[in-house]
C-alpha atoms as a PDB file:
ATOM      1  CA  UNK A   1       4.948  13.998  19.694  1.00  0.00           C
ATOM      2  CA  UNK A   2       3.284  11.524  17.414  1.00  0.00           C
ATOM      3  CA  UNK A   3      -0.498  11.762  17.612  1.00  0.00           C
ATOM      4  CA  UNK A   4      -0.756   7.987  17.874  1.00  0.00           C
ATOM      5  CA  UNK A   5      -2.004   5.475  20.419  1.00  0.00           C
ATOM      6  CA  UNK A   6      -0.149   2.174  20.462  1.00  0.00           C
ATOM      7  CA  UNK A   7      -2.758  -0.566  20.339  1.00  0.00           C
ATOM      8  CA  UNK A   8      -4.084  -1.177  23.872  1.00  0.00           C
ATOM      9  CA  UNK A   9      -0.898  -0.124  25.667  1.00  0.00           C
ATOM     10  CA  UNK A  10      -0.469   2.930  27.854  1.00  0.00           C
ATOM     11  CA  UNK A  11       0.528   6.002  25.832  1.00  0.00           C
ATOM     12  CA  UNK A  12       2.515   7.563  28.677  1.00  0.00           C
ATOM     13  CA  UNK A  13       4.580   4.412  28.879  1.00  0.00           C
ATOM     14  CA  UNK A  14       5.199   4.608  25.148  1.00  0.00           C
ATOM     15  CA  UNK A  15       6.926   7.981  25.533  1.00  0.00           C
ATOM     16  CA  UNK A  16       9.738   6.393  27.500  1.00  0.00           C
ATOM     17  CA  UNK A  17      12.563   4.820  25.481  1.00  0.00           C
ATOM     18  CA  UNK A  18      13.457   1.269  26.502  1.00  0.00           C
ATOM     19  CA  UNK A  19      16.353   0.617  28.821  1.00  0.00           C
ATOM     20  CA  UNK A  20      19.655  -0.243  27.155  1.00  0.00           C
ATOM     21  CA  UNK A  21      19.629  -3.946  28.139  1.00  0.00           C
ATOM     22  CA  UNK A  22      16.119  -4.290  26.709  1.00  0.00           C
ATOM     23  CA  UNK A  23      17.100  -2.581  23.476  1.00  0.00           C
ATOM     24  CA  UNK A  24      20.197  -4.755  23.194  1.00  0.00           C
ATOM     25  CA  UNK A  25      18.073  -7.881  23.595  1.00  0.00           C
ATOM     26  CA  UNK A  26      15.649  -6.659  20.922  1.00  0.00           C
ATOM     27  CA  UNK A  27      18.432  -5.827  18.485  1.00  0.00           C
ATOM     28  CA  UNK A  28      19.982  -9.261  18.953  1.00  0.00           C
ATOM     29  CA  UNK A  29      16.616 -10.856  18.185  1.00  0.00           C
ATOM     30  CA  UNK A  30      16.171  -8.638  15.157  1.00  0.00           C
ATOM     31  CA  UNK A  31      19.633  -9.529  13.875  1.00  0.00           C
ATOM     32  CA  UNK A  32      18.594 -13.191  13.936  1.00  0.00           C
ATOM     33  CA  UNK A  33      15.349 -12.344  12.141  1.00  0.00           C
ATOM     34  CA  UNK A  34      17.156 -10.394   9.415  1.00  0.00           C
ATOM     35  CA  UNK A  35      19.619 -13.229   8.888  1.00  0.00           C
ATOM     36  CA  UNK A  36      16.706 -15.628   8.461  1.00  0.00           C
ATOM     37  CA  UNK A  37      14.999 -13.168   6.121  1.00  0.00           C
ATOM     38  CA  UNK A  38      18.063 -12.960   3.856  1.00  0.00           C
ATOM     39  CA  UNK A  39      18.211 -16.738   3.715  1.00  0.00           C
ATOM     40  CA  UNK A  40      14.523 -16.876   2.734  1.00  0.00           C
ATOM     41  CA  UNK A  41      14.882 -14.334  -0.076  1.00  0.00           C
ATOM     42  CA  UNK A  42      17.928 -15.878  -1.745  1.00  0.00           C
ATOM     43  CA  UNK A  43      17.135 -17.289  -5.215  1.00  0.00           C
ATOM     44  CA  UNK A  44      13.375 -16.986  -4.754  1.00  0.00           C
ATOM     45  CA  UNK A  45      11.053 -15.755  -7.508  1.00  0.00           C
ATOM     46  CA  UNK A  46       9.584 -12.278  -7.279  1.00  0.00           C
ATOM     47  CA  UNK A  47       6.496 -12.241  -5.088  1.00  0.00           C
ATOM     48  CA  UNK A  48       7.549 -15.091  -2.785  1.00  0.00           C
ATOM     49  CA  UNK A  49       9.488 -12.987  -0.294  1.00  0.00           C
ATOM     50  CA  UNK A  50       6.535 -11.109   1.201  1.00  0.00           C
ATOM     51  CA  UNK A  51       4.394 -12.119   4.139  1.00  0.00           C
ATOM     52  CA  UNK A  52       6.510 -15.012   5.421  1.00  0.00           C
ATOM     53  CA  UNK A  53       6.872 -16.035   9.090  1.00  0.00           C
ATOM     54  CA  UNK A  54       9.246 -14.005  11.282  1.00  0.00           C
ATOM     55  CA  UNK A  55       8.495 -10.762   9.423  1.00  0.00           C
ATOM     56  CA  UNK A  56       6.537  -7.902  11.005  1.00  0.00           C
ATOM     57  CA  UNK A  57       3.611  -9.168  13.095  1.00  0.00           C
ATOM     58  CA  UNK A  58       0.228  -7.583  13.647  1.00  0.00           C
ATOM     59  CA  UNK A  59      -0.440  -5.774  10.367  1.00  0.00           C
ATOM     60  CA  UNK A  60      -4.190  -5.167  10.271  1.00  0.00           C
ATOM     61  CA  UNK A  61      -4.949  -6.071   6.657  1.00  0.00           C
ATOM     62  CA  UNK A  62      -7.501  -8.304   4.966  1.00  0.00           C
ATOM     63  CA  UNK A  63      -6.282  -8.322   1.362  1.00  0.00           C
ATOM     64  CA  UNK A  64      -6.775 -11.889   0.126  1.00  0.00           C
ATOM     65  CA  UNK A  65      -3.977 -11.673  -2.482  1.00  0.00           C
ATOM     66  CA  UNK A  66      -0.993  -9.948  -0.903  1.00  0.00           C
ATOM     67  CA  UNK A  67       1.646 -11.583  -3.118  1.00  0.00           C
ATOM     68  CA  UNK A  68      -0.345 -10.657  -6.239  1.00  0.00           C
ATOM     69  CA  UNK A  69      -0.863  -7.118  -4.953  1.00  0.00           C
ATOM     70  CA  UNK A  70       2.827  -6.647  -4.188  1.00  0.00           C
ATOM     71  CA  UNK A  71       3.828  -7.823  -7.656  1.00  0.00           C
ATOM     72  CA  UNK A  72       1.318  -5.419  -9.176  1.00  0.00           C
ATOM     73  CA  UNK A  73       2.450  -2.428  -7.093  1.00  0.00           C
ATOM     74  CA  UNK A  74       6.030  -3.213  -8.072  1.00  0.00           C
ATOM     75  CA  UNK A  75       5.064  -3.412 -11.747  1.00  0.00           C
ATOM     76  CA  UNK A  76       3.260  -0.044 -11.662  1.00  0.00           C
ATOM     77  CA  UNK A  77       5.978   1.674  -9.638  1.00  0.00           C
ATOM     78  CA  UNK A  78       9.049   0.528 -11.522  1.00  0.00           C
ATOM     79  CA  UNK A  79       7.994  -1.132 -14.795  1.00  0.00           C
ATOM     80  CA  UNK A  80       5.219   1.054 -16.184  1.00  0.00           C
ATOM     81  CA  UNK A  81       2.643  -1.555 -15.200  1.00  0.00           C
ATOM     82  CA  UNK A  82       4.180  -4.330 -17.311  1.00  0.00           C
ATOM     83  CA  UNK A  83       4.422  -7.885 -15.934  1.00  0.00           C
ATOM     84  CA  UNK A  84       7.088  -9.103 -16.431  1.00  0.00           C
ATOM     85  CA  UNK A  85       9.076  -5.892 -16.708  1.00  0.00           C
ATOM     86  CA  UNK A  86       9.333  -4.911 -20.386  1.00  0.00           C
ATOM     87  CA  UNK A  87      13.025  -4.075 -20.519  1.00  0.00           C
ATOM     88  CA  UNK A  88      16.217  -5.643 -21.827  1.00  0.00           C
ATOM     89  CA  UNK A  89      17.902  -4.560 -18.592  1.00  0.00           C
ATOM     90  CA  UNK A  90      17.367  -7.290 -15.951  1.00  0.00           C
ATOM     91  CA  UNK A  91      18.091  -4.706 -13.229  1.00  0.00           C
ATOM     92  CA  UNK A  92      15.623  -2.114 -14.565  1.00  0.00           C
ATOM     93  CA  UNK A  93      13.013  -2.379 -11.820  1.00  0.00           C
ATOM     94  CA  UNK A  94      15.649  -2.856  -9.125  1.00  0.00           C
ATOM     95  CA  UNK A  95      17.494   0.351 -10.054  1.00  0.00           C
ATOM     96  CA  UNK A  96      14.451   2.515 -10.782  1.00  0.00           C
ATOM     97  CA  UNK A  97      14.570   6.023  -9.329  1.00  0.00           C
ATOM     98  CA  UNK A  98      16.601   9.191  -9.544  1.00  0.00           C
ATOM     99  CA  UNK A  99      18.390   8.906  -6.196  1.00  0.00           C
ATOM    100  CA  UNK A 100      16.435  11.769  -4.627  1.00  0.00           C
ATOM    101  CA  UNK A 101      12.743  10.815  -4.571  1.00  0.00           C
ATOM    102  CA  UNK A 102      11.321   7.313  -4.758  1.00  0.00           C
ATOM    103  CA  UNK A 103      13.820   4.501  -5.325  1.00  0.00           C
ATOM    104  CA  UNK A 104      13.871   0.778  -5.989  1.00  0.00           C
ATOM    105  CA  UNK A 105      11.205  -1.749  -6.886  1.00  0.00           C
ATOM    106  CA  UNK A 106       8.473   0.079  -4.937  1.00  0.00           C
ATOM    107  CA  UNK A 107       9.696   3.693  -5.376  1.00  0.00           C
ATOM    108  CA  UNK A 108      10.001   4.357  -1.655  1.00  0.00           C
ATOM    109  CA  UNK A 109      10.722   7.880  -0.398  1.00  0.00           C
ATOM    110  CA  UNK A 110      12.888   8.898   2.565  1.00  0.00           C
ATOM    111  CA  UNK A 111       9.929  10.185   4.642  1.00  0.00           C
ATOM    112  CA  UNK A 112       8.144   6.849   4.173  1.00  0.00           C
ATOM    113  CA  UNK A 113      11.199   5.112   5.648  1.00  0.00           C
ATOM    114  CA  UNK A 114      11.329   7.531   8.591  1.00  0.00           C
ATOM    115  CA  UNK A 115       7.713   6.675   9.422  1.00  0.00           C
ATOM    116  CA  UNK A 116       8.458   2.952   9.144  1.00  0.00           C
ATOM    117  CA  UNK A 117      11.646   2.963  11.239  1.00  0.00           C
ATOM    118  CA  UNK A 118       9.929   4.359  14.331  1.00  0.00           C
ATOM    119  CA  UNK A 119       8.053   1.063  14.700  1.00  0.00           C
ATOM    120  CA  UNK A 120      11.377  -0.178  16.131  1.00  0.00           C
ATOM    121  CA  UNK A 121      11.414   0.154  19.922  1.00  0.00           C
ATOM    122  CA  UNK A 122      13.732   3.020  20.818  1.00  0.00           C
ATOM    123  CA  UNK A 123      13.594   4.913  17.513  1.00  0.00           C
ATOM    124  CA  UNK A 124      11.648   8.155  17.787  1.00  0.00           C
ATOM    125  CA  UNK A 125       8.905   9.116  15.342  1.00  0.00           C
ATOM    126  CA  UNK A 126       8.997  12.524  13.677  1.00  0.00           C
ATOM    127  CA  UNK A 127       8.076  14.838  16.534  1.00  0.00           C
ATOM    128  CA  UNK A 128       9.779  12.839  19.267  1.00  0.00           C
ATOM    129  CA  UNK A 129       7.255  10.217  20.402  1.00  0.00           C
ATOM    130  CA  UNK A 130       8.105   6.531  20.722  1.00  0.00           C
ATOM    131  CA  UNK A 131       6.073   3.508  19.640  1.00  0.00           C
ATOM    132  CA  UNK A 132       8.095   1.155  21.829  1.00  0.00           C
ATOM    133  CA  UNK A 133       4.880  -0.199  23.335  1.00  0.00           C
ATOM    134  CA  UNK A 134       3.720  -1.729  20.041  1.00  0.00           C
ATOM    135  CA  UNK A 135       4.353  -5.486  19.797  1.00  0.00           C
ATOM    136  CA  UNK A 136       5.352  -6.886  16.437  1.00  0.00           C
ATOM    137  CA  UNK A 137       7.659  -4.026  15.495  1.00  0.00           C
ATOM    138  CA  UNK A 138      10.960  -5.540  16.586  1.00  0.00           C
ATOM    139  CA  UNK A 139      11.840  -6.617  13.040  1.00  0.00           C
ATOM    140  CA  UNK A 140      11.629  -2.947  12.044  1.00  0.00           C
ATOM    141  CA  UNK A 141      14.887  -2.402  13.918  1.00  0.00           C
ATOM    142  CA  UNK A 142      16.467  -4.084  10.905  1.00  0.00           C
ATOM    143  CA  UNK A 143      15.792  -0.996   8.746  1.00  0.00           C
ATOM    144  CA  UNK A 144      19.118   0.885   8.645  1.00  0.00           C
ATOM    145  CA  UNK A 145      19.295   4.646   9.003  1.00  0.00           C
ATOM    146  CA  UNK A 146      20.667   4.905   5.472  1.00  0.00           C
ATOM    147  CA  UNK A 147      17.964   2.654   3.991  1.00  0.00           C
ATOM    148  CA  UNK A 148      16.986   5.235   1.369  1.00  0.00           C
ATOM    149  CA  UNK A 149      20.584   5.380   0.113  1.00  0.00           C
ATOM    150  CA  UNK A 150      20.587   1.576  -0.062  1.00  0.00           C
ATOM    151  CA  UNK A 151      17.403   1.550  -2.152  1.00  0.00           C
ATOM    152  CA  UNK A 152      18.811   4.254  -4.444  1.00  0.00           C
ATOM    153  CA  UNK A 153      22.234   2.666  -4.924  1.00  0.00           C
ATOM    154  CA  UNK A 154      22.671   0.847  -8.221  1.00  0.00           C
ATOM    155  CA  UNK A 155      22.789  -2.950  -8.127  1.00  0.00           C
ATOM    156  CA  UNK A 156      24.791  -4.995 -10.598  1.00  0.00           C
ATOM    157  CA  UNK A 157      23.923  -8.478  -9.335  1.00  0.00           C
ATOM    158  CA  UNK A 158      20.696 -10.392  -8.756  1.00  0.00           C
ATOM    159  CA  UNK A 159      21.720 -11.010  -5.133  1.00  0.00           C
ATOM    160  CA  UNK A 160      21.967  -7.250  -4.566  1.00  0.00           C
ATOM    161  CA  UNK A 161      18.518  -6.741  -6.093  1.00  0.00           C
ATOM    162  CA  UNK A 162      16.990  -9.447  -3.912  1.00  0.00           C
ATOM    163  CA  UNK A 163      18.419  -7.811  -0.786  1.00  0.00           C
ATOM    164  CA  UNK A 164      17.134  -4.427  -1.913  1.00  0.00           C
ATOM    165  CA  UNK A 165      13.679  -5.876  -2.575  1.00  0.00           C
ATOM    166  CA  UNK A 166      13.587  -7.623   0.807  1.00  0.00           C
ATOM    167  CA  UNK A 167      14.537  -4.362   2.543  1.00  0.00           C
ATOM    168  CA  UNK A 168      11.828  -2.448   0.660  1.00  0.00           C
ATOM    169  CA  UNK A 169       9.186  -5.001   1.658  1.00  0.00           C
ATOM    170  CA  UNK A 170      10.296  -4.854   5.291  1.00  0.00           C
ATOM    171  CA  UNK A 171       9.947  -1.056   5.165  1.00  0.00           C
ATOM    172  CA  UNK A 172       6.462  -1.372   3.683  1.00  0.00           C
ATOM    173  CA  UNK A 173       5.414  -3.922   6.314  1.00  0.00           C
ATOM    174  CA  UNK A 174       6.616  -1.631   9.116  1.00  0.00           C
ATOM    175  CA  UNK A 175       4.840   1.356   7.586  1.00  0.00           C
ATOM    176  CA  UNK A 176       1.579  -0.585   7.345  1.00  0.00           C
ATOM    177  CA  UNK A 177       2.057  -2.066  10.829  1.00  0.00           C
ATOM    178  CA  UNK A 178       2.063   1.509  12.050  1.00  0.00           C
ATOM    179  CA  UNK A 179      -0.802   2.984  10.056  1.00  0.00           C
ATOM    180  CA  UNK A 180      -3.123  -0.028  10.047  1.00  0.00           C
ATOM    181  CA  UNK A 181      -3.516   0.175  13.838  1.00  0.00           C
ATOM    182  CA  UNK A 182      -2.206   3.527  15.066  1.00  0.00           C
ATOM    183  CA  UNK A 183      -4.153   6.228  13.253  1.00  0.00           C
ATOM    184  CA  UNK A 184      -4.879   8.045  16.511  1.00  0.00           C
ATOM    185  CA  UNK A 185      -7.917  10.210  17.291  1.00  0.00           C
ATOM    186  CA  UNK A 186      -6.955  13.571  15.778  1.00  0.00           C
ATOM    187  CA  UNK A 187      -8.679  15.384  12.907  1.00  0.00           C
ATOM    188  CA  UNK A 188      -6.883  13.085  10.474  1.00  0.00           C
ATOM    189  CA  UNK A 189      -7.056  10.049  12.726  1.00  0.00           C
ATOM    190  CA  UNK A 190      -9.096   6.873  12.891  1.00  0.00           C
ATOM    191  CA  UNK A 191     -12.462   8.423  12.014  1.00  0.00           C
ATOM    192  CA  UNK A 192     -11.212   9.662   8.642  1.00  0.00           C
ATOM    193  CA  UNK A 193      -8.384   7.256   7.871  1.00  0.00           C
ATOM    194  CA  UNK A 194      -9.608   3.808   8.991  1.00  0.00           C
ATOM    195  CA  UNK A 195      -9.641   0.815   6.646  1.00  0.00           C
ATOM    196  CA  UNK A 196     -12.615  -0.383   4.604  1.00  0.00           C
ATOM    197  CA  UNK A 197     -12.424  -4.028   5.712  1.00  0.00           C
ATOM    198  CA  UNK A 198     -15.004  -5.713   7.909  1.00  0.00           C
ATOM    199  CA  UNK A 199     -12.749  -7.278  10.539  1.00  0.00           C
ATOM    200  CA  UNK A 200     -11.144  -5.235  13.296  1.00  0.00           C
ATOM    201  CA  UNK A 201      -7.919  -5.158  15.263  1.00  0.00           C
ATOM    202  CA  UNK A 202      -7.659  -2.815  18.235  1.00  0.00           C
ATOM    203  CA  UNK A 203     -10.776  -1.005  17.031  1.00  0.00           C
ATOM    204  CA  UNK A 204      -9.440  -0.386  13.520  1.00  0.00           C
ATOM    205  CA  UNK A 205     -11.114  -1.862  10.439  1.00  0.00           C
ATOM    206  CA  UNK A 206      -8.635  -3.866   8.380  1.00  0.00           C
ATOM    207  CA  UNK A 207      -7.040  -2.621   5.162  1.00  0.00           C
ATOM    208  CA  UNK A 208      -8.280  -4.075   1.878  1.00  0.00           C
ATOM    209  CA  UNK A 209      -6.120  -4.555  -1.223  1.00  0.00           C
ATOM    210  CA  UNK A 210      -7.479  -1.268  -2.554  1.00  0.00           C
ATOM    211  CA  UNK A 211      -6.692   0.509   0.735  1.00  0.00           C
ATOM    212  CA  UNK A 212      -3.115  -0.753   0.712  1.00  0.00           C
ATOM    213  CA  UNK A 213      -2.449   0.340  -2.874  1.00  0.00           C
ATOM    214  CA  UNK A 214      -3.991   3.793  -2.405  1.00  0.00           C
ATOM    215  CA  UNK A 215      -2.111   4.378   0.848  1.00  0.00           C
ATOM    216  CA  UNK A 216       1.164   3.421  -0.793  1.00  0.00           C
ATOM    217  CA  UNK A 217       0.448   6.034  -3.453  1.00  0.00           C
ATOM    218  CA  UNK A 218      -1.084   8.867  -1.425  1.00  0.00           C
ATOM    219  CA  UNK A 219      -0.048   8.303   2.190  1.00  0.00           C
ATOM    220  CA  UNK A 220      -1.674   7.229   5.442  1.00  0.00           C
ATOM    221  CA  UNK A 221      -5.163   8.508   4.472  1.00  0.00           C
ATOM    222  CA  UNK A 222      -4.832   7.942   0.727  1.00  0.00           C
ATOM    223  CA  UNK A 223      -7.573   5.322   0.724  1.00  0.00           C
ATOM    224  CA  UNK A 224     -10.095   7.890   2.000  1.00  0.00           C
ATOM    225  CA  UNK A 225      -9.221  10.910  -0.176  1.00  0.00           C
ATOM    226  CA  UNK A 226     -12.389  10.707  -2.267  1.00  0.00           C
ATOM    227  CA  UNK A 227     -14.696  10.255   0.720  1.00  0.00           C
ATOM    228  CA  UNK A 228     -13.156  13.159   2.648  1.00  0.00           C
ATOM    229  CA  UNK A 229     -12.926  15.624  -0.265  1.00  0.00           C
ATOM    230  CA  UNK A 230      -9.143  15.231  -0.197  1.00  0.00           C
ATOM    231  CA  UNK A 231      -8.919  16.296   3.447  1.00  0.00           C
ATOM    232  CA  UNK A 232      -5.984  14.599   5.214  1.00  0.00           C
ATOM    233  CA  UNK A 233      -4.418  13.813   1.817  1.00  0.00           C
ATOM    234  CA  UNK A 234      -1.452  15.396   0.093  1.00  0.00           C
ATOM    235  CA  UNK A 235      -2.540  18.560  -1.722  1.00  0.00           C
ATOM    236  CA  UNK A 236      -0.949  21.722  -3.211  1.00  0.00           C
ATOM    237  CA  UNK A 237       1.581  23.103  -2.803  1.00  0.00           C
ATOM    238  CA  UNK A 238       3.255  19.943  -1.454  1.00  0.00           C
ATOM    239  CA  UNK A 239       1.459  17.689  -3.945  1.00  0.00           C
ATOM    240  CA  UNK A 240       0.269  19.742  -6.925  1.00  0.00           C
ATOM    241  CA  UNK A 241      -2.499  18.382  -9.123  1.00  0.00           C
ATOM    242  CA  UNK A 242      -1.078  16.101 -11.797  1.00  0.00           C
ATOM    243  CA  UNK A 243      -3.420  15.502 -14.749  1.00  0.00           C
ATOM    244  CA  UNK A 244      -1.232  12.659 -16.045  1.00  0.00           C
ATOM    245  CA  UNK A 245      -1.720  10.758 -12.777  1.00  0.00           C
ATOM    246  CA  UNK A 246      -5.390  11.579 -12.231  1.00  0.00           C
ATOM    247  CA  UNK A 247      -5.351  15.198 -11.046  1.00  0.00           C
ATOM    248  CA  UNK A 248      -5.915  15.780  -7.327  1.00  0.00           C
ATOM    249  CA  UNK A 249      -5.281  13.318  -4.490  1.00  0.00           C
ATOM    250  CA  UNK A 250      -8.606  11.550  -5.017  1.00  0.00           C
ATOM    251  CA  UNK A 251      -8.003  11.202  -8.746  1.00  0.00           C
ATOM    252  CA  UNK A 252      -4.427  10.053  -8.251  1.00  0.00           C
ATOM    253  CA  UNK A 253      -5.433   7.377  -5.729  1.00  0.00           C
ATOM    254  CA  UNK A 254      -8.279   6.163  -7.960  1.00  0.00           C
ATOM    255  CA  UNK A 255      -6.164   6.002 -11.112  1.00  0.00           C
ATOM    256  CA  UNK A 256      -3.323   4.309  -9.250  1.00  0.00           C
ATOM    257  CA  UNK A 257      -5.606   1.573  -7.886  1.00  0.00           C
ATOM    258  CA  UNK A 258      -7.083   1.037 -11.345  1.00  0.00           C
ATOM    259  CA  UNK A 259      -3.575   0.510 -12.752  1.00  0.00           C
ATOM    260  CA  UNK A 260      -2.520  -1.769  -9.883  1.00  0.00           C
ATOM    261  CA  UNK A 261      -5.731  -3.769 -10.123  1.00  0.00           C
ATOM    262  CA  UNK A 262      -5.310  -4.174 -13.878  1.00  0.00           C
ATOM    263  CA  UNK A 263      -1.748  -5.405 -13.424  1.00  0.00           C
ATOM    264  CA  UNK A 264      -2.715  -7.698 -10.539  1.00  0.00           C
ATOM    265  CA  UNK A 265      -5.548  -9.356 -12.431  1.00  0.00           C
ATOM    266  CA  UNK A 266      -3.277 -10.037 -15.409  1.00  0.00           C
ATOM    267  CA  UNK A 267      -0.841 -12.120 -13.341  1.00  0.00           C
ATOM    268  CA  UNK A 268      -1.240 -15.873 -13.892  1.00  0.00           C
ATOM    269  CA  UNK A 269      -2.770 -17.391 -10.781  1.00  0.00           C
ATOM    270  CA  UNK A 270      -4.186 -14.081  -9.523  1.00  0.00           C
ATOM    271  CA  UNK A 271      -7.458 -14.003 -11.451  1.00  0.00           C
ATOM    272  CA  UNK A 272      -9.272 -15.558  -8.472  1.00  0.00           C
ATOM    273  CA  UNK A 273      -8.473 -12.612  -6.221  1.00  0.00           C
ATOM    274  CA  UNK A 274     -11.725 -11.064  -5.032  1.00  0.00           C
ATOM    275  CA  UNK A 275     -10.827  -7.727  -6.621  1.00  0.00           C
ATOM    276  CA  UNK A 276     -10.415  -9.424 -10.004  1.00  0.00           C
ATOM    277  CA  UNK A 277     -14.007 -10.611 -10.310  1.00  0.00           C
ATOM    278  CA  UNK A 278     -15.433  -8.728 -13.315  1.00  0.00           C
ATOM    279  CA  UNK A 279     -18.261  -6.281 -12.963  1.00  0.00           C
ATOM    280  CA  UNK A 280     -21.518  -7.494 -14.546  1.00  0.00           C
ATOM    281  CA  UNK A 281     -21.852  -6.707 -18.242  1.00  0.00           C
ATOM    282  CA  UNK A 282     -25.261  -5.113 -18.583  1.00  0.00           C
ATOM    283  CA  UNK A 283     -26.933  -5.087 -22.031  1.00  0.00           C
ATOM    284  CA  UNK A 284     -27.489  -1.658 -23.539  1.00  0.00           C
ATOM    285  CA  UNK A 285     -31.085  -0.529 -24.035  1.00  0.00           C
ATOM    286  CA  UNK A 286     -32.877  -0.456 -27.413  1.00  0.00           C
ATOM    287  CA  UNK A 287     -31.436   2.981 -28.224  1.00  0.00           C
ATOM    288  CA  UNK A 288     -27.895   1.746 -27.763  1.00  0.00           C
ATOM    289  CA  UNK A 289     -27.505   3.651 -24.523  1.00  0.00           C
ATOM    290  CA  UNK A 290     -26.896   2.819 -20.895  1.00  0.00           C
ATOM    291  CA  UNK A 291     -29.992   4.427 -19.455  1.00  0.00           C
ATOM    292  CA  UNK A 292     -28.537   5.313 -16.064  1.00  0.00           C
ATOM    293  CA  UNK A 293     -26.320   7.954 -17.685  1.00  0.00           C
ATOM    294  CA  UNK A 294     -28.438   8.856 -20.725  1.00  0.00           C
ATOM    295  CA  UNK A 295     -25.477   8.647 -23.051  1.00  0.00           C
ATOM    296  CA  UNK A 296     -23.969   6.158 -25.444  1.00  0.00           C
ATOM    297  CA  UNK A 297     -21.363   4.179 -23.540  1.00  0.00           C
ATOM    298  CA  UNK A 298     -21.845   0.787 -25.138  1.00  0.00           C
ATOM    299  CA  UNK A 299     -19.253  -1.636 -26.367  1.00  0.00           C
ATOM    300  CA  UNK A 300     -20.497  -4.426 -28.651  1.00  0.00           C
ATOM    301  CA  UNK A 301     -23.948  -4.251 -27.112  1.00  0.00           C
ATOM    302  CA  UNK A 302     -22.880  -4.123 -23.488  1.00  0.00           C
ATOM    303  CA  UNK A 303     -22.376  -1.296 -21.034  1.00  0.00           C
ATOM    304  CA  UNK A 304     -18.700  -2.052 -20.528  1.00  0.00           C
ATOM    305  CA  UNK A 305     -17.688   1.547 -21.054  1.00  0.00           C
ATOM    306  CA  UNK A 306     -20.139   2.619 -18.361  1.00  0.00           C
ATOM    307  CA  UNK A 307     -18.015   0.691 -15.903  1.00  0.00           C
ATOM    308  CA  UNK A 308     -15.100   2.953 -16.792  1.00  0.00           C
ATOM    309  CA  UNK A 309     -17.462   5.924 -16.396  1.00  0.00           C
ATOM    310  CA  UNK A 310     -18.361   4.737 -12.928  1.00  0.00           C
ATOM    311  CA  UNK A 311     -14.664   4.644 -12.042  1.00  0.00           C
ATOM    312  CA  UNK A 312     -14.123   8.122 -13.419  1.00  0.00           C
ATOM    313  CA  UNK A 313     -16.713   9.661 -11.107  1.00  0.00           C
ATOM    314  CA  UNK A 314     -14.775   8.284  -8.164  1.00  0.00           C
ATOM    315  CA  UNK A 315     -17.116   5.847  -6.571  1.00  0.00           C
ATOM    316  CA  UNK A 316     -15.492   3.487  -4.102  1.00  0.00           C
ATOM    317  CA  UNK A 317     -15.230  -0.185  -5.115  1.00  0.00           C
ATOM    318  CA  UNK A 318     -18.111  -1.120  -2.807  1.00  0.00           C
ATOM    319  CA  UNK A 319     -20.297   1.737  -4.088  1.00  0.00           C
ATOM    320  CA  UNK A 320     -19.698   0.651  -7.696  1.00  0.00           C
ATOM    321  CA  UNK A 321     -20.490  -2.968  -6.873  1.00  0.00           C
ATOM    322  CA  UNK A 322     -23.682  -1.988  -5.012  1.00  0.00           C
ATOM    323  CA  UNK A 323     -24.633   0.293  -7.894  1.00  0.00           C
ATOM    324  CA  UNK A 324     -24.385  -2.467 -10.487  1.00  0.00           C
ATOM    325  CA  UNK A 325     -26.171  -5.033  -8.334  1.00  0.00           C
ATOM    326  CA  UNK A 326     -29.018  -2.608  -7.714  1.00  0.00           C
ATOM    327  CA  UNK A 327     -29.231  -1.714 -11.422  1.00  0.00           C
ATOM    328  CA  UNK A 328     -29.384  -5.357 -12.480  1.00  0.00           C
ATOM    329  CA  UNK A 329     -32.060  -6.163  -9.887  1.00  0.00           C
ATOM    330  CA  UNK A 330     -34.212  -3.310 -11.203  1.00  0.00           C
ATOM    331  CA  UNK A 331     -33.730  -4.202 -14.864  1.00  0.00           C
END
């Protein structure tokens, strides 16, 4: 049974699969939605297919630059962080992956898809529970059972890549529809895995851009790894420490967000995203040091390198911002 509570609906009711006529009606509606989605994604530039009407409703997020964020996640996942993708192969990002793990533009794994598909009324979550009480998940019925194979199959045309990208974004929307509002009350539930945003939906704080990126990298509680000492995050032996990606779950999530943020803020038109506002450049002291650390971390007279130091000690974005504001007020 999934340890989840569907919004404000009765959990006992959610354990019952819908009647066949109801499911048939839902699937017919979803078929119409998917047809409309394919029409929307045809011949559209990258980044314009996400977050349109008739997609998944009710995702509890407050990222002010979703299109920019999605482009950046795609760049980090399948293009080494480059925007546009630095390859002579126009299908490079589309066909990224080894066919077994993460595949496609967003490097989506099979387990991620399984979690996303059970937002469709009538499809059981791992463990046997149903989320058929959750409104807004009907479009998730458009995720086929073999979606991972589809994302891993090689495309040879732009139309194929656009369909693959649209499917990946639908999967991501369904996954975030689930985990932005249905974290449950268990040991790794709402208390430890809620969003960092100020606004709420069904008692859950919304997901910020940083939350979304870290969760995509490290799972449903990936945005809270550092605060919870990696509890509820993927750790050895399932996820061994990887020095190249930042080490443990906290380090991986932090490094991943730094890469995504860097890519996002380099995209023309995305520099006004709230996460792209630069940290204050504080002048070094007379000894050429940044006094708060007692070490030389200056760059051309400013404590720019100290900002990187702050990131390396795993402060959250808000903690770093508060730290710099407090330092400037005192100095």
